Amino acid sequence: MNALTRRDRLEDLMPDFFRRLAWPIALSGEPGDIRVDVTENDKDYQVRAEIPGAKKEDIRVSVDGNFVSIAAEVKKDKEEKSHGRVLVKETYYGSSSRGFSLPNEVDAKGVVAKLEDGVLKLTLPKREGTGARAIAIQ
């Protein structure tokens, strides 16, 4: 006989937890973490952050040295009516934030941010002369 009975399975004890793990945030329609991809070249860093449902006025980006912070507030209202009765109403409000450190400091004056189809694209120029240097021991 199986050592675990139906009542002992974790999926039965916490069905919502496992259901949310099974569906990506974008597909479940719930606000979630901001997912980022960061690439670099000699001159700058490029950040691609997925923030579905956010408007550009609800997104805040800040740069402090080599630390980048992205915060967004997502508001979604969807209502379908039939003959005056509400059949489905999906509403959520939520805020998300993400912060990360980069190897080099960023020149905050040259940062460029664009939002297209729920994807925030940042170009973060590297600050000149902030690379690592060897220290001579005396």
C-alpha atoms as a PDB file:
ATOM      1  CA  MET A   1       0.000   0.000   0.000  1.00  0.00           C
ATOM      2  CA  ASN A   2       1.154   3.528  -0.714  1.00  0.00           C
ATOM      3  CA  ALA A   3       2.790   5.203   2.282  1.00  0.00           C
ATOM      4  CA  LEU A   4       0.915   8.448   1.630  1.00  0.00           C
ATOM      5  CA  THR A   5      -2.829   8.494   1.780  1.00  0.00           C
ATOM      6  CA  ARG A   6      -4.882  11.124  -0.040  1.00  0.00           C
ATOM      7  CA  ARG A   7      -5.191  13.258   3.112  1.00  0.00           C
ATOM      8  CA  ASP A   8      -1.437  13.271   3.655  1.00  0.00           C
ATOM      9  CA  ARG A   9      -0.522  14.792   0.290  1.00  0.00           C
ATOM     10  CA  LEU A  10       0.663  18.394   0.445  1.00  0.00           C
ATOM     11  CA  GLU A  11      -1.376  19.271  -2.639  1.00  0.00           C
ATOM     12  CA  ASP A  12      -4.550  18.417  -0.726  1.00  0.00           C
ATOM     13  CA  LEU A  13      -3.548  20.418   2.334  1.00  0.00           C
ATOM     14  CA  MET A  14      -2.592  23.582   0.417  1.00  0.00           C
ATOM     15  CA  PRO A  15      -4.289  23.475  -3.009  1.00  0.00           C
ATOM     16  CA  ASP A  16      -4.107  27.238  -3.646  1.00  0.00           C
ATOM     17  CA  PHE A  17      -0.372  27.314  -2.989  1.00  0.00           C
ATOM     18  CA  PHE A  18       0.391  24.579  -5.514  1.00  0.00           C
ATOM     19  CA  ARG A  19      -2.106  25.924  -8.062  1.00  0.00           C
ATOM     20  CA  ARG A  20      -0.344  29.290  -8.039  1.00  0.00           C
ATOM     21  CA  LEU A  21       3.043  27.631  -8.501  1.00  0.00           C
ATOM     22  CA  ALA A  22       1.740  25.783 -11.527  1.00  0.00           C
ATOM     23  CA  TRP A  23       0.584  28.927 -13.394  1.00  0.00           C
ATOM     24  CA  PRO A  24       2.909  31.772 -14.289  1.00  0.00           C
ATOM     25  CA  ILE A  25       1.895  35.155 -12.912  1.00  0.00           C
ATOM     26  CA  ALA A  26       1.153  36.578 -16.361  1.00  0.00           C
ATOM     27  CA  LEU A  27      -1.248  33.743 -17.149  1.00  0.00           C
ATOM     28  CA  SER A  28      -3.031  33.722 -13.813  1.00  0.00           C
ATOM     29  CA  GLY A  29      -3.956  37.400 -14.056  1.00  0.00           C
ATOM     30  CA  GLU A  30      -2.579  38.239 -10.630  1.00  0.00           C
ATOM     31  CA  PRO A  31       0.023  40.894  -9.843  1.00  0.00           C
ATOM     32  CA  GLY A  32       3.387  39.436  -9.061  1.00  0.00           C
ATOM     33  CA  ASP A  33       7.088  39.919  -9.039  1.00  0.00           C
ATOM     34  CA  ILE A  34       8.812  41.983 -11.664  1.00  0.00           C
ATOM     35  CA  ARG A  35      10.887  39.674 -13.835  1.00  0.00           C
ATOM     36  CA  VAL A  36      14.088  41.147 -15.247  1.00  0.00           C
ATOM     37  CA  ASP A  37      16.752  40.261 -17.788  1.00  0.00           C
ATOM     38  CA  VAL A  38      20.007  42.214 -17.526  1.00  0.00           C
ATOM     39  CA  THR A  39      22.668  42.256 -20.237  1.00  0.00           C
ATOM     40  CA  GLU A  40      25.763  44.413 -20.651  1.00  0.00           C
ATOM     41  CA  ASN A  41      28.255  45.630 -23.190  1.00  0.00           C
ATOM     42  CA  ASP A  42      31.311  47.899 -22.846  1.00  0.00           C
ATOM     43  CA  LYS A  43      29.253  51.096 -22.519  1.00  0.00           C
ATOM     44  CA  ASP A  44      26.031  50.230 -20.718  1.00  0.00           C
ATOM     45  CA  TYR A  45      23.608  47.749 -19.156  1.00  0.00           C
ATOM     46  CA  GLN A  46      20.295  46.866 -20.765  1.00  0.00           C
ATOM     47  CA  VAL A  47      17.422  45.853 -18.505  1.00  0.00           C
ATOM     48  CA  ARG A  48      14.228  44.260 -19.754  1.00  0.00           C
ATOM     49  CA  ALA A  49      11.570  44.120 -17.014  1.00  0.00           C
ATOM     50  CA  GLU A  50       8.181  42.484 -17.469  1.00  0.00           C
ATOM     51  CA  ILE A  51       5.449  44.491 -15.747  1.00  0.00           C
ATOM     52  CA  PRO A  52       2.153  43.378 -17.333  1.00  0.00           C
ATOM     53  CA  GLY A  53      -0.814  45.666 -16.749  1.00  0.00           C
ATOM     54  CA  ALA A  54       1.233  48.634 -15.486  1.00  0.00           C
ATOM     55  CA  LYS A  55       0.973  52.097 -17.001  1.00  0.00           C
ATOM     56  CA  LYS A  56       4.038  54.290 -17.364  1.00  0.00           C
ATOM     57  CA  GLU A  57       2.746  56.770 -14.760  1.00  0.00           C
ATOM     58  CA  ASP A  58       2.529  53.920 -12.217  1.00  0.00           C
ATOM     59  CA  ILE A  59       6.173  52.824 -12.612  1.00  0.00           C
ATOM     60  CA  ARG A  60       9.063  54.324 -10.641  1.00  0.00           C
ATOM     61  CA  VAL A  61      12.712  53.698 -11.503  1.00  0.00           C
ATOM     62  CA  SER A  62      15.589  54.968  -9.385  1.00  0.00           C
ATOM     63  CA  VAL A  63      19.351  54.589  -9.650  1.00  0.00           C
ATOM     64  CA  ASP A  64      21.731  55.119  -6.746  1.00  0.00           C
ATOM     65  CA  GLY A  65      25.336  54.345  -7.664  1.00  0.00           C
ATOM     66  CA  ASN A  66      25.217  50.743  -8.807  1.00  0.00           C
ATOM     67  CA  PHE A  67      21.820  49.927  -7.261  1.00  0.00           C
ATOM     68  CA  VAL A  68      18.738  49.949  -9.512  1.00  0.00           C
ATOM     69  CA  SER A  69      15.210  49.928  -8.114  1.00  0.00           C
ATOM     70  CA  ILE A  70      12.005  49.348 -10.096  1.00  0.00           C
ATOM     71  CA  ALA A  71       8.573  49.678  -8.462  1.00  0.00           C
ATOM     72  CA  ALA A  72       5.134  49.483 -10.047  1.00  0.00           C
ATOM     73  CA  GLU A  73       1.518  49.642  -8.994  1.00  0.00           C
ATOM     74  CA  VAL A  74      -0.821  47.532 -11.103  1.00  0.00           C
ATOM     75  CA  LYS A  75      -4.557  48.183 -11.223  1.00  0.00           C
ATOM     76  CA  LYS A  76      -6.890  46.021 -13.245  1.00  0.00           C
ATOM     77  CA  ASP A  77     -10.651  46.196 -13.502  1.00  0.00           C
ATOM     78  CA  LYS A  78     -12.596  43.917 -15.794  1.00  0.00           C
ATOM     79  CA  GLU A  79     -16.342  43.550 -15.740  1.00  0.00           C
ATOM     80  CA  GLU A  80     -18.681  41.699 -18.051  1.00  0.00           C
ATOM     81  CA  LYS A  81     -22.433  42.326 -17.885  1.00  0.00           C
ATOM     82  CA  SER A  82     -25.403  40.532 -19.309  1.00  0.00           C
ATOM     83  CA  HIS A  83     -28.923  41.945 -18.860  1.00  0.00           C
ATOM     84  CA  GLY A  84     -27.900  44.100 -15.887  1.00  0.00           C
ATOM     85  CA  ARG A  85     -26.450  41.281 -13.789  1.00  0.00           C
ATOM     86  CA  VAL A  86     -22.731  40.994 -13.146  1.00  0.00           C
ATOM     87  CA  LEU A  87     -21.552  37.615 -14.374  1.00  0.00           C
ATOM     88  CA  VAL A  88     -17.800  37.992 -13.965  1.00  0.00           C
ATOM     89  CA  LYS A  89     -15.797  40.683 -12.244  1.00  0.00           C
ATOM     90  CA  GLU A  90     -12.031  40.337 -12.054  1.00  0.00           C
ATOM     91  CA  THR A  91     -10.350  43.066 -10.084  1.00  0.00           C
ATOM     92  CA  TYR A  92      -6.950  43.314  -8.519  1.00  0.00           C
ATOM     93  CA  TYR A  93      -4.681  45.985  -7.183  1.00  0.00           C
ATOM     94  CA  GLY A  94      -1.143  45.339  -6.215  1.00  0.00           C
ATOM     95  CA  SER A  95       2.328  46.749  -6.069  1.00  0.00           C
ATOM     96  CA  SER A  96       5.586  45.087  -6.931  1.00  0.00           C
ATOM     97  CA  SER A  97       9.172  46.136  -6.591  1.00  0.00           C
ATOM     98  CA  ARG A  98      12.542  44.818  -7.586  1.00  0.00           C
ATOM     99  CA  GLY A  99      16.030  45.996  -6.754  1.00  0.00           C
ATOM    100  CA  PHE A 100      19.421  44.728  -7.809  1.00  0.00           C
ATOM    101  CA  SER A 101      23.070  45.741  -7.789  1.00  0.00           C
ATOM    102  CA  LEU A 102      25.236  45.988 -10.888  1.00  0.00           C
ATOM    103  CA  PRO A 103      29.014  45.464 -11.015  1.00  0.00           C
ATOM    104  CA  ASN A 104      29.677  49.105 -12.042  1.00  0.00           C
ATOM    105  CA  GLU A 105      28.079  52.394 -11.058  1.00  0.00           C
ATOM    106  CA  VAL A 106      25.497  53.842 -13.425  1.00  0.00           C
ATOM    107  CA  ASP A 107      25.587  57.356 -14.882  1.00  0.00           C
ATOM    108  CA  ALA A 108      22.081  58.404 -13.746  1.00  0.00           C
ATOM    109  CA  LYS A 109      22.016  61.389 -16.122  1.00  0.00           C
ATOM    110  CA  GLY A 110      22.108  59.159 -19.205  1.00  0.00           C
ATOM    111  CA  VAL A 111      19.473  56.580 -18.214  1.00  0.00           C
ATOM    112  CA  VAL A 112      16.793  55.941 -20.844  1.00  0.00           C
ATOM    113  CA  ALA A 113      13.498  54.190 -19.974  1.00  0.00           C
ATOM    114  CA  LYS A 114      10.780  53.037 -22.393  1.00  0.00           C
ATOM    115  CA  LEU A 115       7.591  51.060 -21.761  1.00  0.00           C
ATOM    116  CA  GLU A 116       6.172  48.968 -24.611  1.00  0.00           C
ATOM    117  CA  ASP A 117       3.455  46.318 -24.257  1.00  0.00           C
ATOM    118  CA  GLY A 118       4.068  45.730 -20.539  1.00  0.00           C
ATOM    119  CA  VAL A 119       7.842  45.525 -20.940  1.00  0.00           C
ATOM    120  CA  LEU A 120      10.048  48.229 -19.427  1.00  0.00           C
ATOM    121  CA  LYS A 121      13.343  48.652 -21.268  1.00  0.00           C
ATOM    122  CA  LEU A 122      16.141  50.511 -19.489  1.00  0.00           C
ATOM    123  CA  THR A 123      19.482  51.585 -20.892  1.00  0.00           C
ATOM    124  CA  LEU A 124      21.861  52.272 -18.012  1.00  0.00           C
ATOM    125  CA  PRO A 125      25.180  53.796 -19.108  1.00  0.00           C
ATOM    126  CA  LYS A 126      28.208  52.808 -17.065  1.00  0.00           C
ATOM    127  CA  ARG A 127      29.896  55.631 -15.189  1.00  0.00           C
ATOM    128  CA  GLU A 128      33.437  56.273 -16.429  1.00  0.00           C
ATOM    129  CA  GLY A 129      36.306  55.455 -14.096  1.00  0.00           C
ATOM    130  CA  THR A 130      34.373  53.362 -11.586  1.00  0.00           C
ATOM    131  CA  GLY A 131      35.788  49.976 -12.514  1.00  0.00           C
ATOM    132  CA  ALA A 132      37.728  47.823 -10.107  1.00  0.00           C
ATOM    133  CA  ARG A 133      41.369  48.663  -9.619  1.00  0.00           C
ATOM    134  CA  ALA A 134      44.217  46.812  -8.021  1.00  0.00           C
ATOM    135  CA  ILE A 135      45.498  48.241  -4.745  1.00  0.00           C
ATOM    136  CA  ALA A 136      49.217  48.087  -4.090  1.00  0.00           C
ATOM    137  CA  ILE A 137      50.111  46.763  -0.651  1.00  0.00           C
ATOM    138  CA  GLN A 138      52.751  48.793   1.165  1.00  0.00           C
END
